[in-house]
C-alpha atoms as a PDB file:
ATOM      1  CA  MET A   1       0.014   0.078  -0.035  1.00  0.00           C
ATOM      2  CA  ASP A   2       1.485   3.281  -1.124  1.00  0.00           C
ATOM      3  CA  VAL A   3       0.275   6.530   0.490  1.00  0.00           C
ATOM      4  CA  ASP A   4       0.796   9.893  -1.203  1.00  0.00           C
ATOM      5  CA  ILE A   5      -0.080  13.189   0.353  1.00  0.00           C
ATOM      6  CA  ILE A   6      -2.136  15.379  -2.028  1.00  0.00           C
ATOM      7  CA  SER A   7      -2.599  18.488   0.238  1.00  0.00           C
ATOM      8  CA  GLU A   8      -1.939  19.511   3.943  1.00  0.00           C
ATOM      9  CA  THR A   9      -3.690  22.472   5.637  1.00  0.00           C
ATOM     10  CA  GLU A  10      -2.453  23.787   8.868  1.00  0.00           C
ATOM     11  CA  ASN A  11      -5.314  24.503  11.612  1.00  0.00           C
ATOM     12  CA  PRO A  12      -3.439  25.988  14.558  1.00  0.00           C
ATOM     13  CA  MET A  13      -6.516  26.888  16.519  1.00  0.00           C
ATOM     14  CA  LEU A  14      -7.370  23.158  16.794  1.00  0.00           C
ATOM     15  CA  HIS A  15      -3.751  22.028  16.935  1.00  0.00           C
ATOM     16  CA  ARG A  16      -3.947  19.896  13.786  1.00  0.00           C
ATOM     17  CA  THR A  17      -3.255  19.558  10.205  1.00  0.00           C
ATOM     18  CA  ASP A  18      -5.874  18.478   7.690  1.00  0.00           C
ATOM     19  CA  VAL A  19      -4.452  16.108   5.287  1.00  0.00           C
ATOM     20  CA  THR A  20      -5.943  14.739   2.030  1.00  0.00           C
ATOM     21  CA  PHE A  21      -4.207  11.663   0.645  1.00  0.00           C
ATOM     22  CA  GLU A  22      -4.251   9.047  -1.962  1.00  0.00           C
ATOM     23  CA  LEU A  23      -3.372   5.326  -1.620  1.00  0.00           C
ATOM     24  CA  VAL A  24      -2.945   2.654  -4.144  1.00  0.00           C
ATOM     25  CA  HIS A  25      -3.608  -0.923  -3.057  1.00  0.00           C
ATOM     26  CA  GLU A  26      -3.177  -4.272  -4.750  1.00  0.00           C
ATOM     27  CA  ASP A  27      -6.138  -6.162  -3.173  1.00  0.00           C
ATOM     28  CA  ALA A  28      -9.288  -5.160  -1.318  1.00  0.00           C
ATOM     29  CA  THR A  29      -9.571  -1.658   0.189  1.00  0.00           C
ATOM     30  CA  PRO A  30      -7.491  -1.722   3.364  1.00  0.00           C
ATOM     31  CA  SER A  31      -9.098  -1.172   6.785  1.00  0.00           C
ATOM     32  CA  ARG A  32      -9.355   2.176   8.390  1.00  0.00           C
ATOM     33  CA  LEU A  33      -6.741   1.110  10.985  1.00  0.00           C
ATOM     34  CA  GLN A  34      -4.293  -0.168   8.272  1.00  0.00           C
ATOM     35  CA  VAL A  35      -4.585   3.245   6.518  1.00  0.00           C
ATOM     36  CA  ARG A  36      -4.136   5.108   9.779  1.00  0.00           C
ATOM     37  CA  ASP A  37      -1.052   3.114  10.673  1.00  0.00           C
ATOM     38  CA  SER A  38       0.535   3.774   7.196  1.00  0.00           C
ATOM     39  CA  LEU A  39      -0.301   7.469   7.145  1.00  0.00           C
ATOM     40  CA  ALA A  40       1.155   7.834  10.662  1.00  0.00           C
ATOM     41  CA  ALA A  41       4.393   6.229   9.665  1.00  0.00           C
ATOM     42  CA  LYS A  42       4.651   8.380   6.578  1.00  0.00           C
ATOM     43  CA  LEU A  43       4.083  11.542   8.622  1.00  0.00           C
ATOM     44  CA  ASN A  44       6.380  10.294  11.440  1.00  0.00           C
ATOM     45  CA  LYS A  45       3.388  10.652  13.921  1.00  0.00           C
ATOM     46  CA  ASP A  46       1.977   8.266  16.553  1.00  0.00           C
ATOM     47  CA  ALA A  47      -1.119   6.371  15.381  1.00  0.00           C
ATOM     48  CA  ASP A  48      -3.328   7.851  18.105  1.00  0.00           C
ATOM     49  CA  GLU A  49      -2.616  11.375  16.774  1.00  0.00           C
ATOM     50  CA  VAL A  50      -4.179  10.466  13.396  1.00  0.00           C
ATOM     51  CA  VAL A  51      -7.956  10.402  12.805  1.00  0.00           C
ATOM     52  CA  ILE A  52      -9.160   9.123   9.343  1.00  0.00           C
ATOM     53  CA  ARG A  53     -12.353  10.937   8.594  1.00  0.00           C
ATOM     54  CA  LYS A  54     -13.131   9.588   5.231  1.00  0.00           C
ATOM     55  CA  LEU A  55     -12.129   6.763   2.577  1.00  0.00           C
ATOM     56  CA  ASP A  56     -13.625   6.885  -0.811  1.00  0.00           C
ATOM     57  CA  THR A  57     -12.880   4.080  -3.349  1.00  0.00           C
ATOM     58  CA  LYS A  58     -14.448   4.026  -6.663  1.00  0.00           C
ATOM     59  CA  PHE A  59     -15.808   0.744  -7.725  1.00  0.00           C
ATOM     60  CA  GLY A  60     -13.365  -1.541  -9.465  1.00  0.00           C
ATOM     61  CA  MET A  61     -10.523   0.843  -8.811  1.00  0.00           C
ATOM     62  CA  ARG A  62      -7.452   0.109  -6.845  1.00  0.00           C
ATOM     63  CA  LYS A  63      -7.010   3.786  -5.705  1.00  0.00           C
ATOM     64  CA  THR A  64      -8.493   5.380  -2.649  1.00  0.00           C
ATOM     65  CA  VAL A  65      -8.749   9.016  -1.750  1.00  0.00           C
ATOM     66  CA  GLY A  66      -9.078   9.944   1.932  1.00  0.00           C
ATOM     67  CA  GLN A  67      -9.149  12.697   4.545  1.00  0.00           C
ATOM     68  CA  ALA A  68      -7.494  12.735   7.907  1.00  0.00           C
ATOM     69  CA  LYS A  69      -6.959  14.996  10.762  1.00  0.00           C
ATOM     70  CA  VAL A  70      -3.427  14.804  12.207  1.00  0.00           C
ATOM     71  CA  TYR A  71      -3.181  16.245  15.583  1.00  0.00           C
ATOM     72  CA  GLU A  72      -0.211  17.530  17.609  1.00  0.00           C
ATOM     73  CA  THR A  73      -0.864  15.207  20.545  1.00  0.00           C
ATOM     74  CA  ASP A  74      -3.480  12.332  21.194  1.00  0.00           C
ATOM     75  CA  ASP A  75      -4.868  14.429  24.008  1.00  0.00           C
ATOM     76  CA  TYR A  76      -5.871  17.173  21.383  1.00  0.00           C
ATOM     77  CA  ALA A  77      -7.400  14.431  19.227  1.00  0.00           C
ATOM     78  CA  ARG A  78      -9.499  13.299  22.259  1.00  0.00           C
ATOM     79  CA  GLU A  79     -10.437  16.736  23.182  1.00  0.00           C
ATOM     80  CA  VAL A  80     -11.629  17.914  19.642  1.00  0.00           C
ATOM     81  CA  GLU A  81     -12.916  14.842  17.905  1.00  0.00           C
ATOM     82  CA  GLN A  82     -16.473  13.412  18.266  1.00  0.00           C
ATOM     83  CA  ASP A  83     -16.778  10.085  20.264  1.00  0.00           C
ATOM     84  CA  HIS A  84     -17.842   8.055  17.211  1.00  0.00           C
ATOM     85  CA  MET A  85     -14.756   9.082  15.181  1.00  0.00           C
ATOM     86  CA  LEU A  86     -12.504   8.212  18.195  1.00  0.00           C
ATOM     87  CA  GLU A  87     -14.214   4.865  18.396  1.00  0.00           C
ATOM     88  CA  ARG A  88     -13.868   4.188  14.734  1.00  0.00           C
ATOM     89  CA  ASN A  89     -10.240   4.974  14.818  1.00  0.00           C
ATOM     90  CA  LYS A  90      -9.689   3.002  18.159  1.00  0.00           C
ATOM     91  CA  ILE A  91      -8.191   6.039  19.784  1.00  0.00           C
ATOM     92  CA  GLY A  92      -8.367   5.744  23.728  1.00  0.00           C
ATOM     93  CA  ALA A  93      -9.621   2.259  23.513  1.00  0.00           C
ATOM     94  CA  ASP A  94      -6.709   0.753  25.355  1.00  0.00           C
ATOM     95  CA  GLU A  95      -7.140   3.356  28.196  1.00  0.00           C
ATOM     96  CA  GLU A  96     -10.897   2.659  28.508  1.00  0.00           C
ATOM     97  CA  ALA A  97     -10.160  -1.088  28.745  1.00  0.00           C
ATOM     98  CA  GLU A  98      -7.560  -0.447  31.525  1.00  0.00           C
ATOM     99  CA  ALA A  99      -9.942   1.666  33.302  1.00  0.00           C
ATOM    100  CA  GLU A 100     -12.550  -0.912  33.216  1.00  0.00           C
ATOM    101  CA  GLU A 101     -10.304  -3.621  34.526  1.00  0.00           C
ATOM    102  CA  ALA A 102      -9.289  -1.548  37.631  1.00  0.00           C
END
């Protein structure tokens, strides 16, 4: 899976960068978490700082265009993003599981 950054827009008020990207894949469309991990690696960020908002694959194509929000820290991500987006991107899931066990 090859990730190419199409555009980056700084958003200093929300401590994030809005990223539009394109990825080419050989098989089926990769999962949101696979894309998040690949994009985080490309941007040298921690996976919990990247929130994948949208993935769009045209039928029969091996190319996906997506939008992501890349935060300065995972705390900013949890503060700004809606709960359902955090859940989709599995951000904070480990901490919630640890809290339930205690």
